[in-house]
PDB file of N, CA and C in Angstrom:
ATOM      1  N   MET A   1     -13.529  67.225  10.246  1.00  0.00           N
ATOM      2  CA  MET A   1     -13.823  65.455  10.226  1.00  0.00           C
ATOM      3  C   MET A   1     -13.406  65.074  11.357  1.00  0.00           C
ATOM      4  N   ALA A   2     -13.552  64.921  12.412  1.00  0.00           N
ATOM      5  CA  ALA A   2     -13.040  64.499  13.919  1.00  0.00           C
ATOM      6  C   ALA A   2     -12.974  62.970  14.333  1.00  0.00           C
ATOM      7  N   ALA A   3     -11.774  63.091  14.084  1.00  0.00           N
ATOM      8  CA  ALA A   3     -10.573  61.696  14.598  1.00  0.00           C
ATOM      9  C   ALA A   3     -11.355  60.876  15.839  1.00  0.00           C
ATOM     10  N   THR A   4     -11.471  59.961  15.382  1.00  0.00           N
ATOM     11  CA  THR A   4     -11.635  58.829  16.544  1.00  0.00           C
ATOM     12  C   THR A   4     -10.860  57.997  16.509  1.00  0.00           C
ATOM     13  N   ASN A   5     -10.899  56.740  17.762  1.00  0.00           N
ATOM     14  CA  ASN A   5      -9.945  55.940  18.340  1.00  0.00           C
ATOM     15  C   ASN A   5     -10.283  54.676  17.907  1.00  0.00           C
ATOM     16  N   ARG A   6      -9.828  54.335  17.022  1.00  0.00           N
ATOM     17  CA  ARG A   6     -10.171  52.843  16.662  1.00  0.00           C
ATOM     18  C   ARG A   6      -9.417  51.948  16.876  1.00  0.00           C
ATOM     19  N   MET A   7      -8.562  52.137  17.364  1.00  0.00           N
ATOM     20  CA  MET A   7      -7.825  50.978  18.174  1.00  0.00           C
ATOM     21  C   MET A   7      -8.079  50.167  19.414  1.00  0.00           C
ATOM     22  N   GLY A   8      -8.261  48.876  19.836  1.00  0.00           N
ATOM     23  CA  GLY A   8      -8.637  48.159  20.648  1.00  0.00           C
ATOM     24  C   GLY A   8     -10.658  47.168  19.916  1.00  0.00           C
ATOM     25  N   GLY A   9     -10.084  47.000  18.665  1.00  0.00           N
ATOM     26  CA  GLY A   9     -11.455  45.927  17.199  1.00  0.00           C
ATOM     27  C   GLY A   9     -12.121  46.578  16.782  1.00  0.00           C
ATOM     28  N   GLY A  10     -12.264  48.071  17.255  1.00  0.00           N
ATOM     29  CA  GLY A  10     -12.964  50.142  16.200  1.00  0.00           C
ATOM     30  C   GLY A  10     -13.769  50.602  17.059  1.00  0.00           C
ATOM     31  N   HIS A  11     -14.178  49.575  18.439  1.00  0.00           N
ATOM     32  CA  HIS A  11     -15.398  49.978  19.271  1.00  0.00           C
ATOM     33  C   HIS A  11     -14.475  51.041  20.034  1.00  0.00           C
ATOM     34  N   HIS A  12     -15.554  52.252  19.857  1.00  0.00           N
ATOM     35  CA  HIS A  12     -14.568  53.381  20.893  1.00  0.00           C
ATOM     36  C   HIS A  12     -15.101  53.149  22.245  1.00  0.00           C
ATOM     37  N   GLN A  13     -13.817  52.762  23.556  1.00  0.00           N
ATOM     38  CA  GLN A  13     -13.787  53.188  24.639  1.00  0.00           C
ATOM     39  C   GLN A  13     -13.217  54.199  25.442  1.00  0.00           C
ATOM     40  N   GLU A  14     -14.337  54.903  25.952  1.00  0.00           N
ATOM     41  CA  GLU A  14     -13.488  56.161  26.667  1.00  0.00           C
ATOM     42  C   GLU A  14     -13.081  55.662  28.024  1.00  0.00           C
ATOM     43  N   ILE A  15     -11.580  56.725  27.700  1.00  0.00           N
ATOM     44  CA  ILE A  15     -10.518  56.312  29.022  1.00  0.00           C
ATOM     45  C   ILE A  15     -11.730  57.219  30.736  1.00  0.00           C
ATOM     46  N   LYS A  16     -11.813  56.651  31.358  1.00  0.00           N
ATOM     47  CA  LYS A  16     -12.273  57.709  32.830  1.00  0.00           C
ATOM     48  C   LYS A  16     -10.734  58.229  33.696  1.00  0.00           C
ATOM     49  N   VAL A  17     -10.378  59.239  33.284  1.00  0.00           N
ATOM     50  CA  VAL A  17      -9.813  59.443  34.272  1.00  0.00           C
ATOM     51  C   VAL A  17      -9.996  60.044  35.738  1.00  0.00           C
ATOM     52  N   PRO A  18      -9.541  59.300  36.929  1.00  0.00           N
ATOM     53  CA  PRO A  18     -10.465  59.983  38.028  1.00  0.00           C
ATOM     54  C   PRO A  18      -9.651  61.864  38.888  1.00  0.00           C
ATOM     55  N   ASP A  19     -10.668  62.349  38.575  1.00  0.00           N
ATOM     56  CA  ASP A  19     -10.101  63.828  38.968  1.00  0.00           C
ATOM     57  C   ASP A  19      -9.085  63.831  40.674  1.00  0.00           C
ATOM     58  N   TRP A  20      -7.796  63.923  40.276  1.00  0.00           N
ATOM     59  CA  TRP A  20      -7.296  64.719  40.942  1.00  0.00           C
ATOM     60  C   TRP A  20      -7.257  65.166  42.278  1.00  0.00           C
ATOM     61  N   ARG A  21      -8.350  66.123  42.635  1.00  0.00           N
ATOM     62  CA  ARG A  21      -8.938  66.706  43.822  1.00  0.00           C
ATOM     63  C   ARG A  21      -9.259  65.227  44.606  1.00  0.00           C
ATOM     64  N   ILE A  22      -9.648  64.312  44.395  1.00  0.00           N
ATOM     65  CA  ILE A  22      -9.694  63.264  45.373  1.00  0.00           C
ATOM     66  C   ILE A  22      -8.535  62.813  46.295  1.00  0.00           C
ATOM     67  N   TYR A  23      -7.728  62.693  45.517  1.00  0.00           N
ATOM     68  CA  TYR A  23      -6.576  62.394  46.498  1.00  0.00           C
ATOM     69  C   TYR A  23      -5.540  63.330  47.207  1.00  0.00           C
ATOM     70  N   LYS A  24      -5.730  63.485  48.462  1.00  0.00           N
ATOM     71  CA  LYS A  24      -5.053  64.133  49.662  1.00  0.00           C
ATOM     72  C   LYS A  24      -3.662  63.344  50.425  1.00  0.00           C
ATOM     73  N   VAL A  25      -3.490  64.534  50.498  1.00  0.00           N
ATOM     74  CA  VAL A  25      -1.866  63.711  51.316  1.00  0.00           C
ATOM     75  C   VAL A  25      -2.200  63.024  52.833  1.00  0.00           C
ATOM     76  N   ALA A  26      -3.065  63.939  53.660  1.00  0.00           N
ATOM     77  CA  ALA A  26      -3.713  63.854  54.089  1.00  0.00           C
ATOM     78  C   ALA A  26      -4.292  62.324  54.494  1.00  0.00           C
ATOM     79  N   ASP A  27      -4.656  61.804  53.181  1.00  0.00           N
ATOM     80  CA  ASP A  27      -5.152  60.478  53.580  1.00  0.00           C
ATOM     81  C   ASP A  27      -4.290  58.930  53.224  1.00  0.00           C
ATOM     82  N   ALA A  28      -2.862  59.542  53.405  1.00  0.00           N
ATOM     83  CA  ALA A  28      -2.279  58.370  53.350  1.00  0.00           C
ATOM     84  C   ALA A  28      -1.870  58.764  54.434  1.00  0.00           C
ATOM     85  N   PRO A  29      -1.594  57.588  55.567  1.00  0.00           N
ATOM     86  CA  PRO A  29      -0.995  58.170  56.743  1.00  0.00           C
ATOM     87  C   PRO A  29       0.909  57.885  56.800  1.00  0.00           C
ATOM     88  N   LYS A  30       1.544  56.768  55.315  1.00  0.00           N
ATOM     89  CA  LYS A  30       2.268  56.986  55.464  1.00  0.00           C
ATOM     90  C   LYS A  30       2.912  58.182  54.320  1.00  0.00           C
ATOM     91  N   LEU A  31       2.841  58.935  53.406  1.00  0.00           N
ATOM     92  CA  LEU A  31       3.143  59.540  52.889  1.00  0.00           C
ATOM     93  C   LEU A  31       2.710  61.117  54.151  1.00  0.00           C
ATOM     94  N   ALA A  32       1.882  61.375  55.290  1.00  0.00           N
ATOM     95  CA  ALA A  32       1.101  62.474  55.960  1.00  0.00           C
ATOM     96  C   ALA A  32       2.984  62.534  57.109  1.00  0.00           C
ATOM     97  N   GLU A  33       3.147  61.002  56.762  1.00  0.00           N
ATOM     98  CA  GLU A  33       4.647  61.169  58.262  1.00  0.00           C
ATOM     99  C   GLU A  33       5.658  61.358  57.931  1.00  0.00           C
ATOM    100  N   VAL A  34       5.785  60.901  55.703  1.00  0.00           N
ATOM    101  CA  VAL A  34       6.650  61.825  55.297  1.00  0.00           C
ATOM    102  C   VAL A  34       6.805  63.556  55.120  1.00  0.00           C
ATOM    103  N   GLU A  35       5.680  63.691  54.592  1.00  0.00           N
ATOM    104  CA  GLU A  35       5.281  65.678  55.452  1.00  0.00           C
ATOM    105  C   GLU A  35       5.989  66.414  56.170  1.00  0.00           C
ATOM    106  N   GLN A  36       5.228  65.375  57.019  1.00  0.00           N
ATOM    107  CA  GLN A  36       5.724  65.829  58.524  1.00  0.00           C
ATOM    108  C   GLN A  36       6.970  66.230  59.049  1.00  0.00           C
ATOM    109  N   MET A  37       7.982  64.976  58.621  1.00  0.00           N
ATOM    110  CA  MET A  37       9.034  65.051  58.864  1.00  0.00           C
ATOM    111  C   MET A  37       9.985  65.466  57.507  1.00  0.00           C
ATOM    112  N   LEU A  38       9.862  65.781  56.957  1.00  0.00           N
ATOM    113  CA  LEU A  38       9.922  66.940  55.769  1.00  0.00           C
ATOM    114  C   LEU A  38       9.521  68.393  56.502  1.00  0.00           C
ATOM    115  N   ALA A  39       8.649  68.731  56.944  1.00  0.00           N
ATOM    116  CA  ALA A  39       8.332  70.130  57.410  1.00  0.00           C
ATOM    117  C   ALA A  39       9.297  70.285  58.652  1.00  0.00           C
ATOM    118  N   SER A  40       9.277  68.814  59.221  1.00  0.00           N
ATOM    119  CA  SER A  40       9.830  69.976  60.662  1.00  0.00           C
ATOM    120  C   SER A  40      11.202  69.505  60.393  1.00  0.00           C
ATOM    121  N   LYS A  41      11.998  69.759  59.423  1.00  0.00           N
ATOM    122  CA  LYS A  41      13.231  70.294  58.551  1.00  0.00           C
ATOM    123  C   LYS A  41      13.134  71.562  57.593  1.00  0.00           C
ATOM    124  N   GLY A  42      12.347  71.794  57.134  1.00  0.00           N
ATOM    125  CA  GLY A  42      12.250  72.850  56.803  1.00  0.00           C
ATOM    126  C   GLY A  42      11.799  72.276  55.128  1.00  0.00           C
ATOM    127  N   LEU A  43      10.991  71.735  54.828  1.00  0.00           N
ATOM    128  CA  LEU A  43      12.023  71.034  53.881  1.00  0.00           C
ATOM    129  C   LEU A  43       9.817  70.499  53.035  1.00  0.00           C
ATOM    130  N   LYS A  44       9.909  70.946  51.563  1.00  0.00           N
ATOM    131  CA  LYS A  44       8.546  70.684  51.308  1.00  0.00           C
ATOM    132  C   LYS A  44       8.340  69.971  49.634  1.00  0.00           C
ATOM    133  N   ASP A  45       7.694  68.309  49.762  1.00  0.00           N
ATOM    134  CA  ASP A  45       8.190  67.998  48.460  1.00  0.00           C
ATOM    135  C   ASP A  45       6.635  67.679  47.952  1.00  0.00           C
ATOM    136  N   PRO A  46       6.808  69.152  46.713  1.00  0.00           N
ATOM    137  CA  PRO A  46       5.814  69.653  45.760  1.00  0.00           C
ATOM    138  C   PRO A  46       5.215  68.322  45.428  1.00  0.00           C
ATOM    139  N   TRP A  47       5.614  67.315  44.688  1.00  0.00           N
ATOM    140  CA  TRP A  47       5.318  65.918  44.155  1.00  0.00           C
ATOM    141  C   TRP A  47       5.790  65.032  45.059  1.00  0.00           C
ATOM    142  N   LEU A  48       4.869  65.269  46.326  1.00  0.00           N
ATOM    143  CA  LEU A  48       4.337  64.529  47.142  1.00  0.00           C
ATOM    144  C   LEU A  48       2.784  63.393  46.832  1.00  0.00           C
ATOM    145  N   ARG A  49       2.251  64.794  46.106  1.00  0.00           N
ATOM    146  CA  ARG A  49       0.628  64.604  46.234  1.00  0.00           C
ATOM    147  C   ARG A  49       0.663  63.479  44.994  1.00  0.00           C
ATOM    148  N   ASN A  50       1.271  63.566  43.876  1.00  0.00           N
ATOM    149  CA  ASN A  50       1.241  62.512  43.211  1.00  0.00           C
ATOM    150  C   ASN A  50       1.524  60.825  43.559  1.00  0.00           C
ATOM    151  N   GLU A  51       1.855  60.782  44.696  1.00  0.00           N
ATOM    152  CA  GLU A  51       2.210  59.836  44.681  1.00  0.00           C
ATOM    153  C   GLU A  51       0.963  58.849  45.641  1.00  0.00           C
ATOM    154  N   VAL A  52      -0.044  59.914  45.475  1.00  0.00           N
ATOM    155  CA  VAL A  52      -1.120  59.459  46.893  1.00  0.00           C
ATOM    156  C   VAL A  52      -2.484  58.062  46.022  1.00  0.00           C
ATOM    157  N   TRP A  53      -1.989  58.389  45.210  1.00  0.00           N
ATOM    158  CA  TRP A  53      -2.927  57.240  44.476  1.00  0.00           C
ATOM    159  C   TRP A  53      -2.524  55.376  44.631  1.00  0.00           C
ATOM    160  N   ARG A  54      -1.424  55.676  45.405  1.00  0.00           N
ATOM    161  CA  ARG A  54      -1.050  54.497  45.153  1.00  0.00           C
ATOM    162  C   ARG A  54      -1.297  53.554  46.383  1.00  0.00           C
ATOM    163  N   TYR A  55      -2.155  54.285  47.186  1.00  0.00           N
ATOM    164  CA  TYR A  55      -2.263  54.200  48.734  1.00  0.00           C
ATOM    165  C   TYR A  55      -3.902  54.326  48.857  1.00  0.00           C
ATOM    166  N   HIS A  56      -4.466  54.530  48.204  1.00  0.00           N
ATOM    167  CA  HIS A  56      -5.506  55.259  48.057  1.00  0.00           C
ATOM    168  C   HIS A  56      -6.650  53.441  47.584  1.00  0.00           C
ATOM    169  N   PRO A  57      -7.274  53.463  48.079  1.00  0.00           N
ATOM    170  CA  PRO A  57      -7.789  52.141  48.860  1.00  0.00           C
ATOM    171  C   PRO A  57      -8.019  50.810  47.505  1.00  0.00           C
ATOM    172  N   GLY A  58      -8.847  51.833  46.490  1.00  0.00           N
ATOM    173  CA  GLY A  58      -9.307  51.613  44.822  1.00  0.00           C
ATOM    174  C   GLY A  58      -7.973  50.792  43.861  1.00  0.00           C
ATOM    175  N   TYR A  59      -6.741  51.377  45.350  1.00  0.00           N
ATOM    176  CA  TYR A  59      -6.199  50.879  43.890  1.00  0.00           C
ATOM    177  C   TYR A  59      -5.388  49.405  44.299  1.00  0.00           C
ATOM    178  N   GLY A  60      -5.601  48.801  45.953  1.00  0.00           N
ATOM    179  CA  GLY A  60      -5.076  47.961  46.016  1.00  0.00           C
ATOM    180  C   GLY A  60      -4.402  47.812  47.849  1.00  0.00           C
ATOM    181  N   THR A  61      -4.254  46.970  47.998  1.00  0.00           N
ATOM    182  CA  THR A  61      -3.658  47.305  49.295  1.00  0.00           C
ATOM    183  C   THR A  61      -2.230  46.807  49.145  1.00  0.00           C
ATOM    184  N   PRO A  62      -0.527  46.986  49.359  1.00  0.00           N
ATOM    185  CA  PRO A  62       0.167  46.835  48.901  1.00  0.00           C
ATOM    186  C   PRO A  62       0.511  45.080  48.785  1.00  0.00           C
ATOM    187  N   LYS A  63      -0.566  44.119  49.964  1.00  0.00           N
ATOM    188  CA  LYS A  63      -0.101  42.375  49.876  1.00  0.00           C
ATOM    189  C   LYS A  63      -1.376  42.612  49.013  1.00  0.00           C
ATOM    190  N   HIS A  64      -1.656  43.067  48.440  1.00  0.00           N
ATOM    191  CA  HIS A  64      -2.176  42.292  46.931  1.00  0.00           C
ATOM    192  C   HIS A  64      -2.169  43.058  45.739  1.00  0.00           C
ATOM    193  N   ARG A  65      -1.535  43.907  45.417  1.00  0.00           N
ATOM    194  CA  ARG A  65      -0.416  44.096  44.820  1.00  0.00           C
ATOM    195  C   ARG A  65       0.884  43.408  44.470  1.00  0.00           C
ATOM    196  N   PHE A  66       1.791  42.686  46.049  1.00  0.00           N
ATOM    197  CA  PHE A  66       2.875  41.783  45.535  1.00  0.00           C
ATOM    198  C   PHE A  66       2.212  40.815  45.147  1.00  0.00           C
ATOM    199  N   MET A  67       0.829  39.764  46.015  1.00  0.00           N
ATOM    200  CA  MET A  67       0.139  38.825  45.315  1.00  0.00           C
ATOM    201  C   MET A  67      -0.423  38.854  43.323  1.00  0.00           C
ATOM    202  N   LEU A  68      -0.907  40.053  43.496  1.00  0.00           N
ATOM    203  CA  LEU A  68      -0.960  40.353  41.819  1.00  0.00           C
ATOM    204  C   LEU A  68       0.337  40.161  40.926  1.00  0.00           C
ATOM    205  N   THR A  69       1.238  40.663  41.319  1.00  0.00           N
ATOM    206  CA  THR A  69       2.506  40.936  40.677  1.00  0.00           C
ATOM    207  C   THR A  69       2.931  39.462  40.486  1.00  0.00           C
ATOM    208  N   PHE A  70       3.365  38.549  42.179  1.00  0.00           N
ATOM    209  CA  PHE A  70       4.514  37.709  41.550  1.00  0.00           C
ATOM    210  C   PHE A  70       3.615  35.990  41.514  1.00  0.00           C
ATOM    211  N   PHE A  71       2.116  36.075  41.775  1.00  0.00           N
ATOM    212  CA  PHE A  71       1.041  35.380  40.999  1.00  0.00           C
ATOM    213  C   PHE A  71      -0.300  35.632  40.504  1.00  0.00           C
ATOM    214  N   ARG A  72      -0.182  36.273  39.899  1.00  0.00           N
ATOM    215  CA  ARG A  72      -0.957  36.255  38.389  1.00  0.00           C
ATOM    216  C   ARG A  72      -0.374  35.337  37.776  1.00  0.00           C
ATOM    217  N   GLY A  73      -1.637  34.523  37.241  1.00  0.00           N
ATOM    218  CA  GLY A  73      -1.682  33.460  36.165  1.00  0.00           C
ATOM    219  C   GLY A  73      -0.401  32.084  36.623  1.00  0.00           C
ATOM    220  N   PHE A  74      -0.431  31.716  38.205  1.00  0.00           N
ATOM    221  CA  PHE A  74       0.167  30.888  39.014  1.00  0.00           C
ATOM    222  C   PHE A  74      -0.434  29.536  38.820  1.00  0.00           C
ATOM    223  N   LYS A  75      -2.506  29.863  39.173  1.00  0.00           N
ATOM    224  CA  LYS A  75      -2.511  28.677  38.585  1.00  0.00           C
ATOM    225  C   LYS A  75      -2.372  28.326  37.491  1.00  0.00           C
ATOM    226  N   TYR A  76      -2.291  28.629  36.240  1.00  0.00           N
ATOM    227  CA  TYR A  76      -1.811  27.955  34.760  1.00  0.00           C
ATOM    228  C   TYR A  76      -0.549  27.604  34.805  1.00  0.00           C
ATOM    229  N   GLY A  77       0.481  28.353  35.340  1.00  0.00           N
ATOM    230  CA  GLY A  77       1.847  28.142  35.364  1.00  0.00           C
ATOM    231  C   GLY A  77       1.895  26.390  36.489  1.00  0.00           C
ATOM    232  N   PHE A  78       0.980  26.462  37.336  1.00  0.00           N
ATOM    233  CA  PHE A  78       1.407  25.093  37.985  1.00  0.00           C
ATOM    234  C   PHE A  78       0.472  23.605  37.120  1.00  0.00           C
ATOM    235  N   ALA A  79      -0.581  24.276  37.158  1.00  0.00           N
ATOM    236  CA  ALA A  79      -1.454  23.310  35.516  1.00  0.00           C
ATOM    237  C   ALA A  79      -0.519  22.679  34.405  1.00  0.00           C
ATOM    238  N   ALA A  80       0.006  23.882  33.931  1.00  0.00           N
ATOM    239  CA  ALA A  80       1.419  23.203  33.518  1.00  0.00           C
ATOM    240  C   ALA A  80       2.543  22.062  33.373  1.00  0.00           C
ATOM    241  N   PHE A  81       3.004  22.127  34.509  1.00  0.00           N
ATOM    242  CA  PHE A  81       3.673  21.978  35.080  1.00  0.00           C
ATOM    243  C   PHE A  81       3.881  20.407  35.646  1.00  0.00           C
ATOM    244  N   VAL A  82       1.749  20.407  36.033  1.00  0.00           N
ATOM    245  CA  VAL A  82       1.917  19.016  36.679  1.00  0.00           C
ATOM    246  C   VAL A  82       1.487  18.102  35.091  1.00  0.00           C
ATOM    247  N   LEU A  83       0.897  18.998  34.199  1.00  0.00           N
ATOM    248  CA  LEU A  83       0.465  17.784  32.886  1.00  0.00           C
ATOM    249  C   LEU A  83       2.074  17.284  32.292  1.00  0.00           C
ATOM    250  N   THR A  84       3.251  18.367  32.493  1.00  0.00           N
ATOM    251  CA  THR A  84       4.020  17.864  31.626  1.00  0.00           C
ATOM    252  C   THR A  84       5.071  16.675  32.631  1.00  0.00           C
ATOM    253  N   VAL A  85       4.850  17.030  33.854  1.00  0.00           N
ATOM    254  CA  VAL A  85       5.771  16.145  34.787  1.00  0.00           C
ATOM    255  C   VAL A  85       4.620  14.767  34.078  1.00  0.00           C
ATOM    256  N   ALA A  86       3.858  14.897  34.485  1.00  0.00           N
ATOM    257  CA  ALA A  86       2.880  13.296  34.826  1.00  0.00           C
ATOM    258  C   ALA A  86       2.629  12.942  32.951  1.00  0.00           C
ATOM    259  N   GLY A  87       3.261  13.528  32.092  1.00  0.00           N
ATOM    260  CA  GLY A  87       3.303  13.528  30.342  1.00  0.00           C
ATOM    261  C   GLY A  87       4.798  12.906  30.317  1.00  0.00           C
ATOM    262  N   ARG A  88       5.793  13.366  30.985  1.00  0.00           N
ATOM    263  CA  ARG A  88       6.791  12.636  30.875  1.00  0.00           C
ATOM    264  C   ARG A  88       7.219  11.692  31.958  1.00  0.00           C
ATOM    265  N   THR A  89       6.429  11.459  32.714  1.00  0.00           N
ATOM    266  CA  THR A  89       6.991   9.755  33.668  1.00  0.00           C
ATOM    267  C   THR A  89       6.171   8.994  32.964  1.00  0.00           C
ATOM    268  N   ALA A  90       4.569   8.948  32.319  1.00  0.00           N
ATOM    269  CA  ALA A  90       3.962   8.242  31.410  1.00  0.00           C
ATOM    270  C   ALA A  90       5.130   8.443  30.030  1.00  0.00           C
ATOM    271  N   TYR A  91       5.771   9.103  29.683  1.00  0.00           N
ATOM    272  CA  TYR A  91       6.667   9.127  28.393  1.00  0.00           C
ATOM    273  C   TYR A  91       7.258   8.060  29.206  1.00  0.00           C
ATOM    274  N   GLU A  92       8.076   8.489  29.725  1.00  0.00           N
ATOM    275  CA  GLU A  92       9.037   7.223  29.815  1.00  0.00           C
ATOM    276  C   GLU A  92       9.204   5.689  31.118  1.00  0.00           C
ATOM    277  N   HIS A  93       7.700   5.478  31.068  1.00  0.00           N
ATOM    278  CA  HIS A  93       7.198   4.176  31.493  1.00  0.00           C
ATOM    279  C   HIS A  93       6.601   3.411  30.933  1.00  0.00           C
ATOM    280  N   TYR A  94       6.314   4.113  28.971  1.00  0.00           N
ATOM    281  CA  TYR A  94       6.332   3.126  28.128  1.00  0.00           C
ATOM    282  C   TYR A  94       7.279   3.438  26.768  1.00  0.00           C
ATOM    283  N   TYR A  95       7.671   3.975  27.093  1.00  0.00           N
ATOM    284  CA  TYR A  95       9.451   4.149  26.334  1.00  0.00           C
ATOM    285  C   TYR A  95      10.531   4.344  27.097  1.00  0.00           C
ATOM    286  N   PRO A  96      10.683   3.346  27.511  1.00  0.00           N
ATOM    287  CA  PRO A  96      12.154   3.522  28.638  1.00  0.00           C
ATOM    288  C   PRO A  96      13.152   3.675  27.928  1.00  0.00           C
ATOM    289  N   ASP A  97      14.060   4.107  29.038  1.00  0.00           N
ATOM    290  CA  ASP A  97      16.250   4.569  27.759  1.00  0.00           C
ATOM    291  C   ASP A  97      15.968   3.052  27.914  1.00  0.00           C
ATOM    292  N   GLU A  98      16.776   2.588  26.815  1.00  0.00           N
ATOM    293  CA  GLU A  98      17.734   1.549  27.022  1.00  0.00           C
ATOM    294  C   GLU A  98      19.019   2.013  27.089  1.00  0.00           C
ATOM    295  N   HIS A  99      19.680   3.031  26.975  1.00  0.00           N
ATOM    296  CA  HIS A  99      21.212   3.498  27.031  1.00  0.00           C
ATOM    297  C   HIS A  99      21.309   3.939  28.528  1.00  0.00           C
ATOM    298  N   ALA A 100      20.312   4.419  29.842  1.00  0.00           N
ATOM    299  CA  ALA A 100      20.149   4.777  30.881  1.00  0.00           C
ATOM    300  C   ALA A 100      20.698   3.566  31.781  1.00  0.00           C
ATOM    301  N   HIS A 101      20.456   2.596  31.237  1.00  0.00           N
ATOM    302  CA  HIS A 101      21.194   0.902  32.500  1.00  0.00           C
ATOM    303  C   HIS A 101      22.420   0.808  31.708  1.00  0.00           C
ATOM    304  N   HIS A 102      23.463   1.028  33.743  1.00  0.00           N
ATOM    305  CA  HIS A 102      24.376   0.649  33.422  1.00  0.00           C
ATOM    306  C   HIS A 102      24.457  -1.007  33.812  1.00  0.00           C
TER     307      HIS A 102
END
């Protein structure tokens, strides 16, 4: 009897892992620069190729990743903020605090 992945609601979804050979250090200018700098000192970073996927166009630009990280959910948060301020203002208008006057 073969084991199946039943997580996520019981339906099986195949995870697609890209082929590692599509990522080349030469395709990422910043990493190629690091590789050349290390080579000029007689050094080599064998793990540098593991970072190439971060610079791949399918992963997004640094600006795009920044926007996703810090502004994901911003519209819902701002809407909640506006509703909170409007509700508080309406509440204070209809039910003024008697103790606030000196």
